[in-house]
Amino acid sequence: HRGDEPGIVVRVIDFTDDKWNVIAENNIWGSSIGKQVHEGDSFYDMMQAIRFGQPSLLKLDDGEVLGFHWAVVNGQGTVLAHRLKLSN
């Protein structure tokens, strides 16, 4: 999400009958980093403000999920990983 509450959110979705139904969601990073973009910003200005992106998920053999993305933390660009466990 890049708006009033930016962050990386993982959602478990049910696509039964071609409908999008959110079963669960969890903000895994960035819940207090502040607004990243502002309405009316040029593309150049927007890209200067972005501090995280490109989230991806990888299902692991043990049923857990590895989530990873890039972010700027304390002025340093880095790749962060989050090991996630889905519960029933």
Protein backbone atom coordinates (compact mmCIF):
# COMPACT_ATOMS: atom_id res chain seq x y z
CA HIS A 1 0.00 0.00 0.00
CA ARG A 2 1.25 3.47 -0.84
CA GLY A 3 -1.09 6.02 0.64
CA ASP A 4 -2.30 7.02 4.07
CA GLU A 5 -1.09 3.74 5.64
CA PRO A 6 1.79 2.45 3.51
CA GLY A 7 3.28 -0.98 4.09
CA ILE A 8 3.64 -4.54 2.86
CA VAL A 9 0.42 -6.47 3.45
CA VAL A 10 0.02 -10.22 2.94
CA ARG A 11 -3.50 -11.44 2.24
CA VAL A 12 -4.94 -14.95 2.11
CA ILE A 13 -7.56 -14.92 -0.64
CA ASP A 14 -10.38 -17.33 -1.53
CA PHE A 15 -11.23 -17.21 -5.26
CA THR A 16 -14.28 -19.52 -5.06
CA ASP A 17 -16.81 -18.81 -7.85
CA ASP A 18 -14.47 -16.18 -9.34
CA LYS A 19 -15.02 -13.89 -6.35
CA TRP A 20 -12.25 -12.15 -4.39
CA ASN A 21 -12.80 -12.92 -0.70
CA VAL A 22 -10.12 -11.85 1.81
CA ILE A 23 -9.79 -14.60 4.43
CA ALA A 24 -6.98 -12.97 6.42
CA GLU A 25 -4.52 -10.10 6.11
CA ASN A 26 -1.44 -9.04 8.02
CA ASN A 27 0.80 -5.99 7.65
CA ILE A 28 4.31 -7.49 7.74
CA TRP A 29 6.33 -4.27 7.29
CA GLY A 30 6.00 -0.52 7.38
CA SER A 31 2.98 0.16 9.56
CA SER A 32 4.51 3.40 10.89
CA ILE A 33 6.72 4.72 8.06
CA GLY A 34 4.41 7.59 7.07
CA LYS A 35 2.84 8.56 3.79
CA GLN A 36 5.11 7.85 0.81
CA VAL A 37 3.35 9.65 -2.04
CA HIS A 38 1.04 12.63 -2.33
CA GLU A 39 -1.80 13.29 -4.75
CA GLY A 40 -0.62 15.44 -7.63
CA ASP A 41 3.07 14.43 -7.38
CA SER A 42 4.87 14.00 -10.68
CA PHE A 43 6.18 10.52 -11.45
CA TYR A 44 9.72 11.75 -10.76
CA ASP A 45 8.73 13.16 -7.35
CA MET A 46 6.82 9.99 -6.50
CA MET A 47 9.82 7.76 -7.33
CA GLN A 48 12.09 9.90 -5.11
CA ALA A 49 9.79 9.31 -2.11
CA ILE A 50 9.23 5.55 -2.42
CA ARG A 51 11.10 3.63 0.26
CA PHE A 52 9.95 0.04 -0.32
CA GLY A 53 8.61 -2.20 -3.07
CA GLN A 54 8.49 -5.33 -5.18
CA PRO A 55 7.08 -7.72 -2.58
CA SER A 56 7.12 -11.40 -3.51
CA LEU A 57 6.09 -14.64 -1.84
CA LEU A 58 7.62 -18.11 -2.07
CA LYS A 59 5.90 -21.19 -0.64
CA LEU A 60 8.38 -23.32 1.31
CA ASP A 61 8.33 -27.13 1.55
CA ASP A 62 7.29 -27.06 5.23
CA GLY A 63 4.08 -25.12 4.44
CA GLU A 64 5.47 -21.77 5.54
CA VAL A 65 5.81 -18.81 3.19
CA LEU A 66 8.87 -16.60 2.65
CA GLY A 67 7.96 -13.00 1.93
CA PHE A 68 10.64 -10.61 0.70
CA HIS A 69 10.92 -7.04 -0.63
CA TRP A 70 13.38 -4.18 -0.91
CA ALA A 71 13.31 -1.23 1.46
CA VAL A 72 15.35 1.74 2.59
CA VAL A 73 16.10 1.33 6.30
CA ASN A 74 18.15 3.99 8.10
CA GLY A 75 19.23 5.41 4.74
CA GLN A 76 20.50 2.05 3.46
CA GLY A 77 18.86 0.09 0.66
CA THR A 78 18.38 -3.55 1.61
CA VAL A 79 16.37 -6.68 0.85
CA LEU A 80 14.24 -7.90 3.76
CA ALA A 81 12.82 -11.40 4.27
CA HIS A 82 9.89 -12.45 6.47
CA ARG A 83 9.13 -16.08 7.28
CA LEU A 84 5.35 -16.47 7.57
CA LYS A 85 3.24 -19.31 8.90
CA LEU A 86 -0.33 -19.72 7.73
CA SER A 87 -2.69 -20.91 10.43
CA ASN A 88 -6.11 -22.46 9.91
